[in-house]
Amino acid sequence: MVGQAVERGRALRVAVNRVSLTPLLLRAGIFAVVLAGLLLAYPVEMFTARSLLAWAVVALLPAVGPRRVWPTFAALVTVGGWVVASAGYDRSITLWRLLAVAALLYLGHTLCALAALLPYDGVVDPNLLVSWLTRAGAVVLAASVVGVVLAWLGEIGTDDGFQAATVAGLLVAVGLSGLLGWLLRRR
C-alpha cells in the first residue's frame, strides 16, 4: 500500500516536470475567459467573497479537465447567471453585454476543445495557436456583426421589425445549418 503511494507520487512528480509552457498557458487562458464570462453574466449585487470563490472554482474546472463535463457545466452556470441577472435582478439586456457573454462562452468552448487535444507535455507550433485563435476571432466577429444587424432590424417599426428580425434569424439559422451539413458531407 505504501509502495503504491510512493510510486504514484513519483509518477506525479515526473508528470509535473514534463509539463510544457504552451498547454499550461492555454489552460490559464481557459480559466481567465470562463471567469470573465461568469463575472460579466452575474449581477454585481451577487458579488461576495463566497460567490467569487465559487465562480473561481467553476472557472478552474474546465481548465483542469477540458475533456470532461466541466466546460458544459461552466457554460450552464454562466447562462444561469445571465438568466438570474435579467429575470431576478431586472438588469436590462444590453447588446454589448449579450455579445460579450456570447463571445466569452464561445472562446471558452473553443479553447477547451483545443486543450482537450493537446497533451500536457506537448510541444506546440505557435502557428497552430495563431490559426486557431484567428478562426475563433473571425467567428466571434461574424456573429457579432450578424447580432448587431439583427438587433437593428428588430428596432425597425413596431411589429414589422420584430417579424423582420425573426425571419432574418431563421434564414441565418437555416443557412448555417445547410452550410454545416455541406461541410460534413464534403469530408
Protein backbone atom coordinates (compact mmCIF):
# COMPACT_ATOMS: atom_id res chain seq x y z
CA MET A 1 0.00 0.00 0.00
CA VAL A 2 2.77 2.43 0.92
CA GLY A 3 4.73 1.32 -2.14
CA GLN A 4 1.82 2.19 -4.41
CA ALA A 5 1.50 5.65 -2.85
CA VAL A 6 5.23 6.28 -3.28
CA GLU A 7 5.05 5.09 -6.90
CA ARG A 8 2.08 7.39 -7.62
CA GLY A 9 3.96 10.28 -6.03
CA ARG A 10 6.95 9.66 -8.33
CA ALA A 11 4.69 9.42 -11.37
CA LEU A 12 3.04 12.72 -10.42
CA ARG A 13 6.42 14.42 -9.97
CA VAL A 14 7.60 13.16 -13.38
CA ALA A 15 4.35 14.37 -15.00
CA VAL A 16 4.67 17.82 -13.40
CA ASN A 17 8.27 18.11 -14.56
CA ARG A 18 7.25 17.31 -18.16
CA VAL A 19 4.53 19.97 -18.47
CA SER A 20 5.31 22.36 -21.31
CA LEU A 21 4.52 26.06 -21.32
CA THR A 22 2.00 26.27 -24.19
CA PRO A 23 -0.62 23.83 -22.82
CA LEU A 24 -0.22 25.45 -19.40
CA LEU A 25 -0.81 28.93 -20.85
CA LEU A 26 -3.77 27.62 -22.83
CA ARG A 27 -5.36 26.30 -19.65
CA ALA A 28 -4.68 29.61 -17.90
CA GLY A 29 -6.46 31.29 -20.81
CA ILE A 30 -9.43 28.97 -20.34
CA PHE A 31 -9.59 29.93 -16.68
CA ALA A 32 -9.43 33.66 -17.48
CA VAL A 33 -12.05 33.52 -20.25
CA VAL A 34 -14.53 31.43 -18.25
CA LEU A 35 -14.09 33.61 -15.16
CA ALA A 36 -14.58 36.78 -17.21
CA GLY A 37 -17.78 35.32 -18.67
CA LEU A 38 -19.07 34.45 -15.20
CA LEU A 39 -18.27 37.92 -13.84
CA LEU A 40 -19.97 39.56 -16.78
CA ALA A 41 -23.07 37.36 -16.65
CA TYR A 42 -23.88 37.66 -12.94
CA PRO A 43 -25.24 40.87 -11.39
CA VAL A 44 -22.92 42.98 -9.24
CA GLU A 45 -25.26 42.54 -6.27
CA MET A 46 -24.27 38.89 -6.08
CA PHE A 47 -20.52 39.58 -5.80
CA THR A 48 -19.45 38.34 -2.39
CA ALA A 49 -16.28 36.59 -1.30
CA ARG A 50 -18.07 33.24 -1.23
CA SER A 51 -19.61 33.63 -4.69
CA LEU A 52 -16.32 34.84 -6.20
CA LEU A 53 -14.59 31.77 -4.77
CA ALA A 54 -17.31 29.53 -6.18
CA TRP A 55 -17.00 31.16 -9.62
CA ALA A 56 -13.22 30.76 -9.50
CA VAL A 57 -13.69 27.04 -8.82
CA VAL A 58 -16.22 26.79 -11.67
CA ALA A 59 -13.71 28.52 -13.97
CA LEU A 60 -10.88 26.26 -12.81
CA LEU A 61 -12.74 23.02 -13.53
CA PRO A 62 -12.77 23.31 -17.36
CA ALA A 63 -9.14 24.43 -17.31
CA VAL A 64 -8.14 21.29 -15.44
CA GLY A 65 -10.48 18.86 -17.20
CA PRO A 66 -11.38 20.13 -20.68
CA ARG A 67 -12.24 16.61 -21.91
CA ARG A 68 -14.85 16.06 -19.24
CA VAL A 69 -18.23 17.59 -18.49
CA TRP A 70 -16.74 20.73 -16.90
CA PRO A 71 -16.84 23.04 -19.94
CA THR A 72 -20.55 22.34 -20.32
CA PHE A 73 -21.09 22.83 -16.59
CA ALA A 74 -19.27 26.19 -16.67
CA ALA A 75 -21.31 27.32 -19.68
CA LEU A 76 -24.56 26.37 -17.94
CA VAL A 77 -23.52 28.25 -14.78
CA THR A 78 -22.73 31.30 -16.94
CA VAL A 79 -26.07 31.15 -18.74
CA GLY A 80 -27.79 30.66 -15.39
CA GLY A 81 -26.12 33.85 -14.17
CA TRP A 82 -27.39 35.69 -17.23
CA VAL A 83 -30.93 34.47 -16.55
CA VAL A 84 -30.70 35.36 -12.86
CA ALA A 85 -29.40 38.83 -13.70
CA SER A 86 -32.07 39.58 -16.29
CA ALA A 87 -35.05 37.95 -14.60
CA GLY A 88 -34.26 38.09 -10.89
CA TYR A 89 -32.44 41.40 -10.66
CA ASP A 90 -34.23 43.20 -13.52
CA ARG A 91 -30.98 44.06 -15.27
CA SER A 92 -31.75 45.38 -18.70
CA ILE A 93 -30.50 43.29 -21.59
CA THR A 94 -27.92 45.38 -23.41
CA LEU A 95 -26.44 44.37 -26.73
CA TRP A 96 -22.81 44.84 -25.69
CA ARG A 97 -23.18 42.62 -22.64
CA LEU A 98 -25.05 39.96 -24.61
CA LEU A 99 -22.39 39.90 -27.33
CA ALA A 100 -19.56 39.86 -24.77
CA VAL A 101 -21.03 36.94 -22.80
CA ALA A 102 -21.72 35.02 -26.02
CA ALA A 103 -18.18 35.67 -27.26
CA LEU A 104 -16.66 34.56 -23.95
CA LEU A 105 -18.80 31.41 -23.95
CA TYR A 106 -17.62 30.57 -27.46
CA LEU A 107 -13.98 31.34 -26.70
CA GLY A 108 -14.12 29.19 -23.56
CA HIS A 109 -15.64 26.37 -25.58
CA THR A 110 -13.13 26.53 -28.41
CA LEU A 111 -10.15 26.85 -26.05
CA CYS A 112 -11.37 23.78 -24.16
CA ALA A 113 -11.63 21.91 -27.45
CA LEU A 114 -8.03 22.80 -28.28
CA ALA A 115 -6.78 21.96 -24.77
CA ALA A 116 -8.54 18.61 -24.94
CA LEU A 117 -6.44 17.73 -27.97
CA LEU A 118 -3.10 18.81 -26.55
CA PRO A 119 -1.24 16.68 -24.02
CA TYR A 120 0.31 18.47 -21.05
CA ASP A 121 3.81 17.74 -22.32
CA GLY A 122 3.12 18.52 -25.98
CA VAL A 123 5.37 20.78 -27.98
CA VAL A 124 3.07 23.05 -29.95
CA ASP A 125 3.86 25.03 -33.06
CA PRO A 126 2.88 28.69 -32.47
CA ASN A 127 1.24 28.75 -35.93
CA LEU A 128 -1.34 26.26 -34.65
CA LEU A 129 -2.37 28.58 -31.85
CA VAL A 130 -2.38 31.64 -34.11
CA SER A 131 -4.57 29.95 -36.73
CA TRP A 132 -6.92 28.54 -34.06
CA LEU A 133 -7.35 31.91 -32.36
CA THR A 134 -7.69 33.70 -35.71
CA ARG A 135 -10.51 31.35 -36.68
CA ALA A 136 -12.16 31.87 -33.30
CA GLY A 137 -11.83 35.64 -33.65
CA ALA A 138 -13.41 35.50 -37.12
CA VAL A 139 -16.35 33.51 -35.75
CA VAL A 140 -16.83 35.98 -32.88
CA LEU A 141 -16.62 38.94 -35.25
CA ALA A 142 -19.07 37.44 -37.76
CA ALA A 143 -21.53 36.50 -35.01
CA SER A 144 -21.28 39.99 -33.52
CA VAL A 145 -21.93 41.66 -36.86
CA VAL A 146 -24.94 39.41 -37.51
CA GLY A 147 -26.20 40.07 -33.97
CA VAL A 148 -25.93 43.84 -34.37
CA VAL A 149 -27.67 43.74 -37.77
CA LEU A 150 -30.49 41.58 -36.37
CA ALA A 151 -30.87 43.89 -33.38
CA TRP A 152 -31.04 46.85 -35.74
CA LEU A 153 -33.66 45.06 -37.84
CA GLY A 154 -35.64 44.39 -34.67
CA GLU A 155 -35.89 48.11 -33.96
CA ILE A 156 -37.33 48.97 -37.36
CA GLY A 157 -41.02 49.70 -36.91
CA THR A 158 -43.09 48.23 -34.12
CA ASP A 159 -44.36 44.79 -35.08
CA ASP A 160 -42.83 44.63 -38.55
CA GLY A 161 -39.33 44.99 -37.10
CA PHE A 162 -39.79 42.00 -34.84
CA GLN A 163 -41.09 39.95 -37.74
CA ALA A 164 -38.19 41.03 -39.94
CA ALA A 165 -35.66 40.12 -37.24
CA THR A 166 -37.36 36.78 -36.67
CA VAL A 167 -37.41 35.94 -40.38
CA ALA A 168 -33.79 37.07 -40.79
CA GLY A 169 -32.74 35.00 -37.78
CA LEU A 170 -34.50 31.95 -39.15
CA LEU A 171 -32.88 32.44 -42.57
CA VAL A 172 -29.45 32.71 -40.95
CA ALA A 173 -30.09 29.57 -38.87
CA VAL A 174 -31.25 27.61 -41.92
CA GLY A 175 -28.31 28.88 -43.97
CA LEU A 176 -25.80 27.92 -41.28
CA SER A 177 -27.39 24.50 -40.88
CA GLY A 178 -27.13 23.93 -44.61
CA LEU A 179 -23.51 25.11 -44.61
CA LEU A 180 -22.62 22.78 -41.74
CA GLY A 181 -24.36 19.85 -43.46
CA TRP A 182 -22.49 20.57 -46.69
CA LEU A 183 -19.17 20.79 -44.81
CA LEU A 184 -19.82 17.46 -43.08
CA ARG A 185 -20.71 15.73 -46.36
CA ARG A 186 -17.62 17.16 -48.01
CA ARG A 187 -15.37 15.32 -45.55
